[in-house]
C-alpha cells in the first residue's frame, strides 16, 4: 500500500437497478470510456476504479456492479457494505425498470448507511423516440425521496461523467460536514482503506465468489 499518498479519499459507489438497464456500460464508460454493444450479463460481482481530481482533492472512485445477480435477488449485504454512494439505474424506454426503483431504494436503505448519497439515473436517453418514463415523473420521484437525478446515455456518453462527478462531490460534502463525522460514512477516508483493495488503476477485477 505504498501509494497511499496518491489520493485523499476512496469512495465506494454501487450500481443498482434491474437487469439490462445499462449498469455495466455506465461503469465501463466512466472508468474506461468504453461501450460494449454486445454486453452479456456478467456473473460475479466486479468493480472498476477511477482516480480523479475534484475540487483540488484526489478521489479514488471504486464503482461496483451487481453483475447480473439482481436477476436472482442474490445481492447480499456485503455488496452494500461500505458504500457511500449509489446510482439507481432504470431504462427510460422500459416502464417496469422505473417502477422497480422503489423496491431497489428500500433494499438499499435496508443494507446501506443511512447517509448514503443516491442518484436516480434514467439511462438510455438516446432512445427518446421509445421513451416510456417522463423526465418530470422521475424528477418528482427523486425529489420526494431526496435523491439526485440525471438522465444519461452510456451509448452516446451523455451525462455519464457528470452523473458520477455529482455523486462524488455530494459524498465529499457529506464526509466533510460535521453531521456525519461520527457516522460510518466518514470511514471512507484513507485511514480506513483496507489492505487488499490494491490500487490497480482502471482495472476491472472480479471480486468475491462467482455464484
N, C-alpha and C. Protein backbone atom coordinates (compact mmCIF):
# COMPACT_ATOMS: atom_id res chain seq x y z
N UNK A 1 0.84 -1.21 0.00
CA UNK A 1 0.00 0.00 0.00
C UNK A 1 0.87 1.26 0.00
N UNK A 2 1.94 1.24 -0.75
CA UNK A 2 2.86 2.34 -0.72
C UNK A 2 2.34 3.59 -1.40
N UNK A 3 1.27 3.46 -2.21
CA UNK A 3 0.83 4.63 -2.96
C UNK A 3 -0.31 5.37 -2.25
N UNK A 4 -0.42 5.18 -0.94
CA UNK A 4 -1.49 5.82 -0.18
C UNK A 4 -1.57 7.33 -0.38
N UNK A 5 -0.40 7.98 -0.48
CA UNK A 5 -0.40 9.44 -0.56
C UNK A 5 -0.99 9.90 -1.89
N UNK A 6 -1.18 8.99 -2.81
CA UNK A 6 -1.63 9.39 -4.15
C UNK A 6 -3.07 9.91 -4.15
N UNK A 7 -3.87 9.55 -3.15
CA UNK A 7 -5.24 10.07 -3.14
C UNK A 7 -5.70 10.36 -1.72
N UNK A 8 -6.70 11.27 -1.62
CA UNK A 8 -7.20 11.69 -0.32
C UNK A 8 -8.34 10.82 0.19
N UNK A 9 -9.15 10.32 -0.72
CA UNK A 9 -10.32 9.54 -0.32
C UNK A 9 -10.54 8.38 -1.27
N UNK A 10 -11.10 7.31 -0.71
CA UNK A 10 -11.60 6.22 -1.55
C UNK A 10 -13.10 6.16 -1.30
N UNK A 11 -13.89 6.30 -2.35
CA UNK A 11 -15.34 6.26 -2.21
C UNK A 11 -15.88 5.05 -2.95
N UNK A 12 -16.60 4.20 -2.25
CA UNK A 12 -17.24 3.04 -2.88
C UNK A 12 -18.65 3.42 -3.32
N UNK A 13 -18.92 3.24 -4.61
CA UNK A 13 -20.23 3.58 -5.16
C UNK A 13 -20.80 2.33 -5.81
N UNK A 14 -22.06 1.99 -5.49
CA UNK A 14 -22.66 0.78 -6.06
C UNK A 14 -23.68 1.15 -7.13
N UNK A 15 -23.78 0.29 -8.14
CA UNK A 15 -24.79 0.44 -9.19
C UNK A 15 -25.90 -0.56 -8.89
N UNK A 16 -27.14 -0.09 -8.86
CA UNK A 16 -28.27 -0.99 -8.62
C UNK A 16 -29.37 -0.69 -9.63
N UNK A 17 -30.30 -1.63 -9.77
CA UNK A 17 -31.38 -1.49 -10.74
C UNK A 17 -31.56 -2.81 -11.47
N UNK A 18 -32.63 -2.87 -12.25
CA UNK A 18 -32.98 -4.11 -12.94
C UNK A 18 -31.90 -4.52 -13.95
N UNK A 19 -31.96 -5.79 -14.34
CA UNK A 19 -31.04 -6.31 -15.34
C UNK A 19 -31.33 -5.66 -16.69
N UNK A 20 -30.28 -5.33 -17.44
CA UNK A 20 -30.47 -4.81 -18.79
C UNK A 20 -30.65 -3.31 -18.92
N UNK A 21 -30.53 -2.57 -17.80
CA UNK A 21 -30.74 -1.11 -17.89
C UNK A 21 -29.46 -0.37 -18.28
N UNK A 22 -28.34 -1.11 -18.33
CA UNK A 22 -27.09 -0.48 -18.78
C UNK A 22 -26.09 -0.16 -17.68
N UNK A 23 -26.21 -0.84 -16.53
CA UNK A 23 -25.30 -0.55 -15.42
C UNK A 23 -23.85 -0.82 -15.79
N UNK A 24 -23.60 -1.97 -16.44
CA UNK A 24 -22.21 -2.32 -16.80
C UNK A 24 -21.62 -1.34 -17.79
N UNK A 25 -22.46 -0.85 -18.73
CA UNK A 25 -21.96 0.11 -19.70
C UNK A 25 -21.73 1.49 -19.09
N UNK A 26 -22.53 1.86 -18.09
CA UNK A 26 -22.26 3.11 -17.37
C UNK A 26 -20.90 2.99 -16.67
N UNK A 27 -20.67 1.83 -16.07
CA UNK A 27 -19.41 1.58 -15.37
C UNK A 27 -18.22 1.66 -16.34
N UNK A 28 -18.32 0.95 -17.47
CA UNK A 28 -17.18 0.92 -18.39
C UNK A 28 -17.01 2.27 -19.09
N UNK A 29 -18.11 2.99 -19.31
CA UNK A 29 -18.00 4.31 -19.93
C UNK A 29 -17.27 5.28 -18.99
N UNK A 30 -17.61 5.20 -17.71
CA UNK A 30 -16.99 6.12 -16.75
C UNK A 30 -15.54 5.76 -16.44
N UNK A 31 -15.26 4.47 -16.29
CA UNK A 31 -13.91 4.10 -15.85
C UNK A 31 -12.94 3.88 -17.00
N UNK A 32 -13.47 3.47 -18.19
CA UNK A 32 -12.55 3.17 -19.30
C UNK A 32 -12.92 3.88 -20.59
N UNK A 33 -14.03 4.64 -20.55
CA UNK A 33 -14.58 5.27 -21.75
C UNK A 33 -14.83 4.25 -22.85
N UNK A 34 -15.43 3.13 -22.47
CA UNK A 34 -15.79 2.08 -23.44
C UNK A 34 -17.27 1.79 -23.37
N UNK A 35 -17.80 1.33 -24.50
CA UNK A 35 -19.19 0.88 -24.55
C UNK A 35 -19.21 -0.43 -25.32
N UNK A 36 -19.85 -1.45 -24.75
CA UNK A 36 -19.87 -2.75 -25.41
C UNK A 36 -21.28 -3.03 -25.91
N UNK A 37 -21.45 -3.01 -27.23
CA UNK A 37 -22.79 -3.19 -27.81
C UNK A 37 -23.35 -4.56 -27.50
N UNK A 38 -22.44 -5.53 -27.34
CA UNK A 38 -22.95 -6.86 -27.20
C UNK A 38 -22.69 -7.29 -25.77
N UNK A 39 -23.17 -6.46 -24.85
CA UNK A 39 -22.86 -6.64 -23.44
C UNK A 39 -23.61 -7.85 -22.89
N UNK A 40 -22.87 -8.85 -22.48
CA UNK A 40 -23.52 -10.01 -21.86
C UNK A 40 -23.62 -9.76 -20.37
N UNK A 41 -24.56 -10.46 -19.75
CA UNK A 41 -24.68 -10.32 -18.30
C UNK A 41 -23.44 -10.91 -17.64
N UNK A 42 -22.84 -10.09 -16.81
CA UNK A 42 -21.64 -10.54 -16.07
C UNK A 42 -22.12 -11.31 -14.86
N UNK A 43 -21.45 -12.37 -14.51
CA UNK A 43 -21.84 -13.09 -13.30
C UNK A 43 -20.70 -13.01 -12.30
N UNK A 44 -21.03 -12.71 -11.06
CA UNK A 44 -19.97 -12.49 -10.06
C UNK A 44 -19.72 -11.00 -10.00
N UNK A 45 -19.75 -10.45 -8.80
CA UNK A 45 -19.63 -9.01 -8.62
C UNK A 45 -18.26 -8.53 -9.08
N UNK A 46 -18.22 -7.38 -9.73
CA UNK A 46 -16.91 -6.82 -10.05
C UNK A 46 -16.93 -5.32 -9.84
N UNK A 47 -15.75 -4.74 -9.71
CA UNK A 47 -15.71 -3.28 -9.61
C UNK A 47 -14.55 -2.76 -10.44
N UNK A 48 -14.68 -1.50 -10.83
CA UNK A 48 -13.60 -0.81 -11.53
C UNK A 48 -13.29 0.45 -10.75
N UNK A 49 -12.08 0.94 -10.89
CA UNK A 49 -11.74 2.16 -10.18
C UNK A 49 -11.33 3.25 -11.17
N UNK A 50 -11.53 4.47 -10.72
CA UNK A 50 -11.02 5.59 -11.48
C UNK A 50 -10.62 6.67 -10.49
N UNK A 51 -9.43 7.19 -10.66
CA UNK A 51 -8.95 8.23 -9.76
C UNK A 51 -9.13 9.57 -10.45
N UNK A 52 -9.72 10.53 -9.74
CA UNK A 52 -9.97 11.83 -10.36
C UNK A 52 -9.75 12.99 -9.40
N UNK A 53 -9.55 14.15 -10.01
CA UNK A 53 -9.38 15.37 -9.23
C UNK A 53 -10.73 16.05 -9.12
N UNK A 54 -11.17 16.34 -7.90
CA UNK A 54 -12.39 17.11 -7.72
C UNK A 54 -12.13 18.16 -6.66
N UNK A 55 -12.36 19.41 -6.99
CA UNK A 55 -12.14 20.50 -6.03
C UNK A 55 -10.78 20.42 -5.35
N UNK A 56 -9.76 20.12 -6.12
CA UNK A 56 -8.41 20.11 -5.56
C UNK A 56 -8.06 18.87 -4.75
N UNK A 57 -8.99 17.92 -4.67
CA UNK A 57 -8.71 16.68 -3.94
C UNK A 57 -8.61 15.54 -4.93
N UNK A 58 -7.81 14.55 -4.59
CA UNK A 58 -7.73 13.37 -5.44
C UNK A 58 -8.62 12.31 -4.83
N UNK A 59 -9.62 11.91 -5.59
CA UNK A 59 -10.59 10.92 -5.09
C UNK A 59 -10.51 9.67 -5.94
N UNK A 60 -10.40 8.54 -5.27
CA UNK A 60 -10.43 7.28 -5.99
C UNK A 60 -11.85 6.71 -5.87
N UNK A 61 -12.53 6.64 -7.00
CA UNK A 61 -13.89 6.10 -7.01
C UNK A 61 -13.79 4.61 -7.30
N UNK A 62 -14.43 3.83 -6.46
CA UNK A 62 -14.44 2.37 -6.64
C UNK A 62 -15.90 2.02 -6.96
N UNK A 63 -16.19 1.76 -8.23
CA UNK A 63 -17.58 1.59 -8.67
C UNK A 63 -17.89 0.10 -8.79
N UNK A 64 -18.90 -0.36 -8.06
CA UNK A 64 -19.26 -1.78 -8.03
C UNK A 64 -20.48 -2.04 -8.89
N UNK A 65 -20.45 -3.16 -9.60
CA UNK A 65 -21.56 -3.53 -10.49
C UNK A 65 -22.19 -4.82 -9.98
N UNK A 66 -23.51 -4.85 -9.96
CA UNK A 66 -24.24 -6.04 -9.47
C UNK A 66 -23.98 -7.27 -10.33
N UNK A 67 -23.58 -7.02 -11.57
CA UNK A 67 -23.13 -8.09 -12.44
C UNK A 67 -24.11 -9.24 -12.59
N UNK A 68 -25.37 -8.91 -12.84
CA UNK A 68 -26.34 -9.96 -13.16
C UNK A 68 -27.00 -10.62 -11.96
N UNK A 69 -26.46 -10.39 -10.77
CA UNK A 69 -27.03 -11.06 -9.60
C UNK A 69 -28.43 -10.54 -9.28
N UNK A 70 -28.75 -9.32 -9.77
CA UNK A 70 -30.05 -8.75 -9.45
C UNK A 70 -31.18 -9.62 -9.98
N UNK A 71 -30.89 -10.44 -11.01
CA UNK A 71 -31.96 -11.30 -11.54
C UNK A 71 -32.30 -12.41 -10.58
N UNK A 72 -31.35 -12.76 -9.70
CA UNK A 72 -31.61 -13.85 -8.76
C UNK A 72 -31.93 -13.34 -7.37
N UNK A 73 -32.12 -12.01 -7.26
CA UNK A 73 -32.36 -11.43 -5.93
C UNK A 73 -31.25 -11.86 -4.97
N UNK A 74 -30.04 -11.99 -5.49
CA UNK A 74 -28.97 -12.59 -4.68
C UNK A 74 -27.98 -11.55 -4.17
N UNK A 75 -28.33 -10.28 -4.30
CA UNK A 75 -27.40 -9.26 -3.83
C UNK A 75 -27.41 -9.27 -2.32
N UNK A 76 -26.24 -9.37 -1.74
CA UNK A 76 -26.19 -9.51 -0.29
C UNK A 76 -25.71 -8.22 0.35
N UNK A 77 -25.77 -8.21 1.67
CA UNK A 77 -25.35 -7.01 2.38
C UNK A 77 -23.88 -6.70 2.14
N UNK A 78 -23.08 -7.71 1.78
CA UNK A 78 -21.65 -7.48 1.52
C UNK A 78 -21.46 -6.52 0.35
N UNK A 79 -22.37 -6.59 -0.62
CA UNK A 79 -22.28 -5.71 -1.79
C UNK A 79 -22.42 -4.24 -1.36
N UNK A 80 -23.34 -4.00 -0.42
CA UNK A 80 -23.63 -2.63 0.01
C UNK A 80 -22.66 -2.14 1.09
N UNK A 81 -21.97 -3.06 1.74
CA UNK A 81 -21.15 -2.68 2.89
C UNK A 81 -20.09 -1.65 2.52
N UNK A 82 -20.05 -0.55 3.25
CA UNK A 82 -19.03 0.47 3.00
C UNK A 82 -19.36 1.41 1.84
N UNK A 83 -20.50 1.18 1.18
CA UNK A 83 -20.84 2.06 0.06
C UNK A 83 -21.27 3.43 0.58
N UNK A 84 -20.76 4.47 -0.06
CA UNK A 84 -21.13 5.83 0.35
C UNK A 84 -21.93 6.53 -0.74
N UNK A 85 -22.07 5.85 -1.88
CA UNK A 85 -22.88 6.40 -2.96
C UNK A 85 -23.53 5.27 -3.73
N UNK A 86 -24.66 5.57 -4.39
CA UNK A 86 -25.34 4.56 -5.21
C UNK A 86 -25.97 5.24 -6.40
N UNK A 87 -25.89 4.59 -7.55
CA UNK A 87 -26.64 5.02 -8.73
C UNK A 87 -27.73 3.99 -8.94
N UNK A 88 -28.97 4.44 -8.82
CA UNK A 88 -30.13 3.57 -9.02
C UNK A 88 -30.59 3.79 -10.45
N UNK A 89 -30.32 2.80 -11.31
CA UNK A 89 -30.47 2.99 -12.75
C UNK A 89 -31.74 2.32 -13.29
N UNK A 90 -32.46 3.04 -14.15
CA UNK A 90 -33.57 2.44 -14.90
C UNK A 90 -33.39 2.82 -16.36
N UNK A 91 -34.19 2.20 -17.22
CA UNK A 91 -34.12 2.43 -18.66
C UNK A 91 -35.32 3.30 -19.03
N UNK A 92 -35.08 4.49 -19.61
CA UNK A 92 -36.20 5.41 -19.87
C UNK A 92 -37.21 4.83 -20.86
N UNK A 93 -36.83 3.76 -21.59
CA UNK A 93 -37.76 3.17 -22.56
C UNK A 93 -38.51 1.96 -22.00
N UNK A 94 -38.25 1.63 -20.74
CA UNK A 94 -38.92 0.46 -20.13
C UNK A 94 -39.54 0.84 -18.79
N UNK A 95 -40.84 1.06 -18.80
CA UNK A 95 -41.58 1.50 -17.62
C UNK A 95 -41.34 0.61 -16.40
N UNK A 96 -41.28 -0.71 -16.62
CA UNK A 96 -41.14 -1.62 -15.48
C UNK A 96 -39.83 -1.43 -14.72
N UNK A 97 -38.78 -1.07 -15.46
CA UNK A 97 -37.49 -0.88 -14.78
C UNK A 97 -37.55 0.34 -13.88
N UNK A 98 -38.41 1.30 -14.25
CA UNK A 98 -38.60 2.50 -13.43
C UNK A 98 -39.48 2.18 -12.23
N UNK A 99 -40.52 1.39 -12.48
CA UNK A 99 -41.43 1.05 -11.38
C UNK A 99 -40.74 0.29 -10.26
N UNK A 100 -39.67 -0.42 -10.59
CA UNK A 100 -39.00 -1.21 -9.55
C UNK A 100 -38.03 -0.35 -8.72
N UNK A 101 -37.89 0.93 -9.09
CA UNK A 101 -36.95 1.80 -8.37
C UNK A 101 -37.27 1.85 -6.88
N UNK A 102 -38.54 1.87 -6.57
CA UNK A 102 -38.95 1.96 -5.16
C UNK A 102 -38.46 0.75 -4.36
N UNK A 103 -38.58 -0.44 -4.97
CA UNK A 103 -38.12 -1.66 -4.28
C UNK A 103 -36.60 -1.63 -4.10
N UNK A 104 -35.89 -1.15 -5.14
CA UNK A 104 -34.43 -1.06 -5.03
C UNK A 104 -34.01 -0.09 -3.93
N UNK A 105 -34.77 1.01 -3.85
CA UNK A 105 -34.45 2.01 -2.84
C UNK A 105 -34.63 1.42 -1.44
N UNK A 106 -35.69 0.65 -1.28
CA UNK A 106 -35.95 0.03 0.02
C UNK A 106 -34.81 -0.93 0.36
N UNK A 107 -34.42 -1.76 -0.61
CA UNK A 107 -33.34 -2.71 -0.36
C UNK A 107 -32.05 -1.98 0.00
N UNK A 108 -31.79 -0.89 -0.72
CA UNK A 108 -30.58 -0.11 -0.47
C UNK A 108 -30.57 0.40 0.98
N UNK A 109 -31.69 1.01 1.39
CA UNK A 109 -31.73 1.57 2.74
C UNK A 109 -31.77 0.50 3.82
N UNK A 110 -32.22 -0.70 3.45
CA UNK A 110 -32.18 -1.81 4.42
C UNK A 110 -30.74 -2.23 4.71
N UNK A 111 -29.85 -2.08 3.72
CA UNK A 111 -28.50 -2.61 3.85
C UNK A 111 -27.40 -1.57 3.97
N UNK A 112 -27.67 -0.35 3.47
CA UNK A 112 -26.57 0.62 3.36
C UNK A 112 -26.62 1.65 4.48
N UNK A 113 -25.57 2.43 4.56
CA UNK A 113 -25.50 3.53 5.51
C UNK A 113 -26.63 4.52 5.23
N UNK A 114 -27.33 5.01 6.28
CA UNK A 114 -28.46 5.92 6.05
C UNK A 114 -28.04 7.23 5.38
N UNK A 115 -26.77 7.60 5.49
CA UNK A 115 -26.31 8.86 4.89
C UNK A 115 -25.85 8.69 3.44
N UNK A 116 -26.03 7.51 2.88
CA UNK A 116 -25.54 7.25 1.53
C UNK A 116 -26.12 8.26 0.53
N UNK A 117 -25.31 8.66 -0.43
CA UNK A 117 -25.76 9.59 -1.48
C UNK A 117 -26.33 8.75 -2.62
N UNK A 118 -27.58 9.01 -2.99
CA UNK A 118 -28.22 8.20 -4.03
C UNK A 118 -28.64 9.10 -5.20
N UNK A 119 -28.30 8.64 -6.41
CA UNK A 119 -28.77 9.34 -7.61
C UNK A 119 -29.65 8.39 -8.42
N UNK A 120 -30.84 8.86 -8.78
CA UNK A 120 -31.71 8.12 -9.69
C UNK A 120 -31.23 8.45 -11.10
N UNK A 121 -30.94 7.42 -11.89
CA UNK A 121 -30.39 7.63 -13.23
C UNK A 121 -31.30 7.00 -14.29
N UNK A 122 -31.84 7.85 -15.16
CA UNK A 122 -32.62 7.35 -16.30
C UNK A 122 -31.65 7.14 -17.45
N UNK A 123 -31.23 5.91 -17.68
CA UNK A 123 -30.25 5.64 -18.72
C UNK A 123 -30.94 5.39 -20.07
N UNK A 124 -30.15 5.36 -21.12
CA UNK A 124 -30.60 5.16 -22.50
C UNK A 124 -31.41 6.35 -23.01
N UNK A 125 -30.96 7.55 -22.65
CA UNK A 125 -31.67 8.76 -23.11
C UNK A 125 -31.58 8.91 -24.63
N UNK A 126 -30.73 8.10 -25.26
CA UNK A 126 -30.67 8.11 -26.74
C UNK A 126 -31.93 7.49 -27.35
N UNK A 127 -32.70 6.75 -26.55
CA UNK A 127 -33.92 6.11 -27.06
C UNK A 127 -35.14 7.01 -26.86
N UNK A 128 -34.96 8.31 -27.11
CA UNK A 128 -36.03 9.30 -26.88
C UNK A 128 -37.33 8.91 -27.59
N UNK A 129 -37.21 8.36 -28.80
CA UNK A 129 -38.43 8.03 -29.55
C UNK A 129 -39.20 6.87 -28.91
N UNK A 130 -38.55 6.12 -28.04
CA UNK A 130 -39.21 4.99 -27.36
C UNK A 130 -39.50 5.31 -25.90
N UNK A 131 -39.32 6.58 -25.51
CA UNK A 131 -39.45 6.96 -24.11
C UNK A 131 -40.77 6.48 -23.49
N UNK A 132 -40.66 5.82 -22.32
CA UNK A 132 -41.85 5.35 -21.62
C UNK A 132 -41.97 6.02 -20.25
N UNK A 133 -40.88 6.63 -19.79
CA UNK A 133 -40.87 7.26 -18.46
C UNK A 133 -40.60 8.75 -18.65
N UNK A 134 -41.54 9.59 -18.21
CA UNK A 134 -41.33 11.03 -18.40
C UNK A 134 -40.29 11.56 -17.42
N UNK A 135 -39.52 12.51 -17.91
CA UNK A 135 -38.47 13.13 -17.08
C UNK A 135 -39.10 13.77 -15.84
N UNK A 136 -40.27 14.39 -16.03
CA UNK A 136 -40.94 15.07 -14.92
C UNK A 136 -41.31 14.11 -13.81
N UNK A 137 -41.87 12.95 -14.19
CA UNK A 137 -42.25 11.95 -13.18
C UNK A 137 -41.04 11.50 -12.38
N UNK A 138 -39.97 11.19 -13.11
CA UNK A 138 -38.76 10.68 -12.44
C UNK A 138 -38.17 11.74 -11.53
N UNK A 139 -38.17 12.99 -12.01
CA UNK A 139 -37.63 14.10 -11.22
C UNK A 139 -38.45 14.26 -9.94
N UNK A 140 -39.77 14.16 -10.05
CA UNK A 140 -40.65 14.28 -8.88
C UNK A 140 -40.37 13.17 -7.88
N UNK A 141 -40.22 11.95 -8.40
CA UNK A 141 -39.94 10.80 -7.53
C UNK A 141 -38.62 11.03 -6.79
N UNK A 142 -37.62 11.51 -7.53
CA UNK A 142 -36.30 11.76 -6.93
C UNK A 142 -36.40 12.82 -5.84
N UNK A 143 -37.11 13.91 -6.14
CA UNK A 143 -37.23 14.99 -5.15
C UNK A 143 -37.94 14.51 -3.90
N UNK A 144 -39.02 13.76 -4.11
CA UNK A 144 -39.81 13.26 -2.98
C UNK A 144 -38.96 12.38 -2.07
N UNK A 145 -38.00 11.67 -2.65
CA UNK A 145 -37.18 10.73 -1.87
C UNK A 145 -35.79 11.27 -1.54
N UNK A 146 -35.56 12.53 -1.83
CA UNK A 146 -34.27 13.14 -1.51
C UNK A 146 -33.11 12.59 -2.32
N UNK A 147 -33.37 12.25 -3.58
CA UNK A 147 -32.31 11.69 -4.44
C UNK A 147 -31.85 12.73 -5.45
N UNK A 148 -30.60 12.60 -5.87
CA UNK A 148 -30.15 13.37 -7.03
C UNK A 148 -30.80 12.71 -8.26
N UNK A 149 -30.84 13.42 -9.39
CA UNK A 149 -31.45 12.82 -10.57
C UNK A 149 -30.73 13.26 -11.83
N UNK A 150 -30.58 12.33 -12.77
CA UNK A 150 -30.00 12.68 -14.07
C UNK A 150 -30.38 11.65 -15.11
N UNK A 151 -30.56 12.11 -16.36
CA UNK A 151 -30.74 11.17 -17.46
C UNK A 151 -29.41 11.06 -18.21
N UNK A 152 -29.05 9.83 -18.56
CA UNK A 152 -27.74 9.58 -19.17
C UNK A 152 -27.90 8.71 -20.42
N UNK A 153 -26.86 8.70 -21.24
CA UNK A 153 -26.76 7.70 -22.29
C UNK A 153 -25.34 7.17 -22.27
N UNK A 154 -25.19 5.92 -21.85
CA UNK A 154 -23.86 5.31 -21.86
C UNK A 154 -23.41 5.12 -23.31
N UNK A 155 -24.39 4.89 -24.20
CA UNK A 155 -24.09 4.69 -25.62
C UNK A 155 -23.45 5.95 -26.22
N UNK A 156 -24.11 7.09 -26.00
CA UNK A 156 -23.62 8.34 -26.59
C UNK A 156 -22.71 9.11 -25.65
N UNK A 157 -22.45 8.53 -24.48
CA UNK A 157 -21.59 9.17 -23.48
C UNK A 157 -22.16 10.51 -22.99
N UNK A 158 -23.49 10.57 -22.86
CA UNK A 158 -24.14 11.80 -22.42
C UNK A 158 -24.34 11.78 -20.91
N UNK A 159 -23.82 12.79 -20.22
CA UNK A 159 -24.05 12.98 -18.77
C UNK A 159 -23.46 11.89 -17.88
N UNK A 160 -22.71 10.95 -18.44
CA UNK A 160 -22.18 9.86 -17.60
C UNK A 160 -21.16 10.43 -16.61
N UNK A 161 -20.23 11.18 -17.15
CA UNK A 161 -19.20 11.81 -16.33
C UNK A 161 -19.83 12.71 -15.26
N UNK A 162 -20.79 13.54 -15.69
CA UNK A 162 -21.43 14.50 -14.78
C UNK A 162 -22.17 13.77 -13.67
N UNK A 163 -22.86 12.67 -14.03
CA UNK A 163 -23.62 11.92 -13.03
C UNK A 163 -22.69 11.41 -11.93
N UNK A 164 -21.61 10.72 -12.32
CA UNK A 164 -20.69 10.19 -11.33
C UNK A 164 -20.02 11.32 -10.54
N UNK A 165 -19.61 12.38 -11.25
CA UNK A 165 -18.96 13.51 -10.57
C UNK A 165 -19.87 14.12 -9.51
N UNK A 166 -21.15 14.33 -9.87
CA UNK A 166 -22.08 14.94 -8.91
C UNK A 166 -22.24 14.07 -7.67
N UNK A 167 -22.29 12.76 -7.87
CA UNK A 167 -22.40 11.85 -6.73
C UNK A 167 -21.15 11.96 -5.84
N UNK A 168 -19.97 11.96 -6.47
CA UNK A 168 -18.72 12.04 -5.71
C UNK A 168 -18.59 13.37 -4.97
N UNK A 169 -19.00 14.46 -5.61
CA UNK A 169 -18.95 15.78 -4.96
C UNK A 169 -19.87 15.80 -3.74
N UNK A 170 -21.06 15.22 -3.92
CA UNK A 170 -22.04 15.19 -2.83
C UNK A 170 -21.53 14.33 -1.67
N UNK A 171 -20.90 13.21 -2.00
CA UNK A 171 -20.33 12.35 -0.95
C UNK A 171 -19.27 13.14 -0.18
N UNK A 172 -18.41 13.82 -0.92
CA UNK A 172 -17.36 14.58 -0.25
C UNK A 172 -17.93 15.65 0.67
N UNK A 173 -19.01 16.32 0.23
CA UNK A 173 -19.67 17.32 1.08
C UNK A 173 -20.12 16.68 2.38
N UNK A 174 -20.73 15.49 2.27
CA UNK A 174 -21.22 14.82 3.48
C UNK A 174 -20.08 14.41 4.39
N UNK A 175 -19.01 13.91 3.78
CA UNK A 175 -17.87 13.46 4.58
C UNK A 175 -17.25 14.65 5.32
N UNK A 176 -17.21 15.81 4.66
CA UNK A 176 -16.59 16.97 5.30
C UNK A 176 -17.51 17.66 6.30
N UNK A 177 -18.83 17.39 6.19
CA UNK A 177 -19.74 18.10 7.09
C UNK A 177 -19.73 17.44 8.45
N UNK A 178 -19.93 18.24 9.46
CA UNK A 178 -19.82 17.74 10.83
C UNK A 178 -20.90 16.71 11.14
N UNK A 179 -22.08 16.85 10.53
CA UNK A 179 -23.20 15.98 10.91
C UNK A 179 -22.86 14.50 10.82
N UNK A 180 -21.99 14.13 9.88
CA UNK A 180 -21.75 12.69 9.75
C UNK A 180 -20.34 12.27 10.15
N UNK A 181 -19.65 13.15 10.88
CA UNK A 181 -18.28 12.78 11.23
C UNK A 181 -18.22 11.51 12.04
N UNK A 182 -19.25 11.25 12.81
CA UNK A 182 -19.20 10.04 13.63
C UNK A 182 -19.91 8.87 12.97
N UNK A 183 -20.59 9.16 11.86
CA UNK A 183 -21.29 8.09 11.17
C UNK A 183 -20.31 7.27 10.36
N UNK A 184 -20.78 6.12 9.88
CA UNK A 184 -19.86 5.22 9.18
C UNK A 184 -19.43 5.78 7.84
N UNK A 185 -20.17 6.77 7.33
CA UNK A 185 -19.81 7.29 6.01
C UNK A 185 -18.45 7.98 6.04
N UNK A 186 -18.04 8.45 7.22
CA UNK A 186 -16.74 9.12 7.29
C UNK A 186 -15.61 8.10 7.27
N UNK A 187 -15.96 6.83 7.37
CA UNK A 187 -14.95 5.78 7.42
C UNK A 187 -14.36 5.47 6.05
N UNK A 188 -14.60 6.33 5.08
CA UNK A 188 -14.05 6.06 3.76
C UNK A 188 -12.78 6.84 3.51
N UNK A 189 -12.39 7.65 4.49
CA UNK A 189 -11.15 8.38 4.25
C UNK A 189 -10.01 7.38 4.30
N UNK A 190 -8.85 7.83 3.90
CA UNK A 190 -7.74 6.92 3.68
C UNK A 190 -7.37 6.02 4.82
N UNK A 191 -7.47 6.55 6.03
CA UNK A 191 -7.01 5.77 7.17
C UNK A 191 -7.74 4.43 7.26
N UNK A 192 -8.88 4.34 6.60
CA UNK A 192 -9.64 3.10 6.71
C UNK A 192 -9.63 2.23 5.48
N UNK A 193 -8.81 2.56 4.49
CA UNK A 193 -8.78 1.67 3.34
C UNK A 193 -8.11 0.39 3.78
N UNK A 194 -8.73 -0.71 3.45
CA UNK A 194 -8.18 -1.99 3.90
C UNK A 194 -7.15 -2.47 2.90
N UNK A 195 -6.16 -3.13 3.41
CA UNK A 195 -5.20 -3.77 2.51
C UNK A 195 -6.00 -4.74 1.66
N UNK A 196 -5.56 -4.97 0.45
CA UNK A 196 -6.32 -5.92 -0.37
C UNK A 196 -7.05 -5.19 -1.48
N UNK A 197 -7.48 -3.93 -1.23
CA UNK A 197 -8.06 -3.19 -2.33
C UNK A 197 -6.90 -2.45 -2.98
N UNK A 198 -6.10 -3.18 -3.70
CA UNK A 198 -4.87 -2.58 -4.20
C UNK A 198 -5.18 -1.61 -5.33
N UNK A 199 -4.24 -0.73 -5.55
CA UNK A 199 -4.50 0.41 -6.41
C UNK A 199 -4.13 0.13 -7.86
N UNK A 200 -4.80 -0.85 -8.46
CA UNK A 200 -4.51 -1.11 -9.86
C UNK A 200 -5.42 -0.20 -10.67
N UNK A 201 -4.83 0.81 -11.24
CA UNK A 201 -5.61 1.85 -11.91
C UNK A 201 -6.45 1.30 -13.06
N UNK A 202 -7.72 1.60 -13.01
CA UNK A 202 -8.58 1.34 -14.15
C UNK A 202 -8.81 -0.13 -14.49
N UNK A 203 -8.40 -1.02 -13.62
CA UNK A 203 -8.54 -2.43 -13.99
C UNK A 203 -9.84 -2.97 -13.40
N UNK A 204 -10.55 -3.77 -14.15
CA UNK A 204 -11.77 -4.37 -13.62
C UNK A 204 -11.40 -5.71 -12.99
N UNK A 205 -11.76 -5.84 -11.73
CA UNK A 205 -11.38 -7.07 -11.05
C UNK A 205 -12.63 -7.81 -10.60
N UNK A 206 -12.71 -9.11 -10.86
CA UNK A 206 -13.81 -9.86 -10.27
C UNK A 206 -13.57 -9.93 -8.77
N UNK A 207 -14.63 -10.00 -8.04
CA UNK A 207 -14.48 -9.97 -6.59
C UNK A 207 -15.37 -11.04 -6.00
N UNK A 208 -15.07 -11.46 -4.83
CA UNK A 208 -15.90 -12.40 -4.09
C UNK A 208 -15.99 -13.71 -4.89
N UNK A 209 -16.97 -14.53 -4.60
CA UNK A 209 -17.07 -15.81 -5.33
C UNK A 209 -18.05 -15.67 -6.47
N UNK A 210 -17.80 -16.36 -7.53
CA UNK A 210 -18.84 -16.42 -8.57
C UNK A 210 -19.95 -17.31 -8.07
N UNK A 211 -21.17 -16.86 -8.29
CA UNK A 211 -22.29 -17.66 -7.77
C UNK A 211 -22.73 -18.70 -8.78
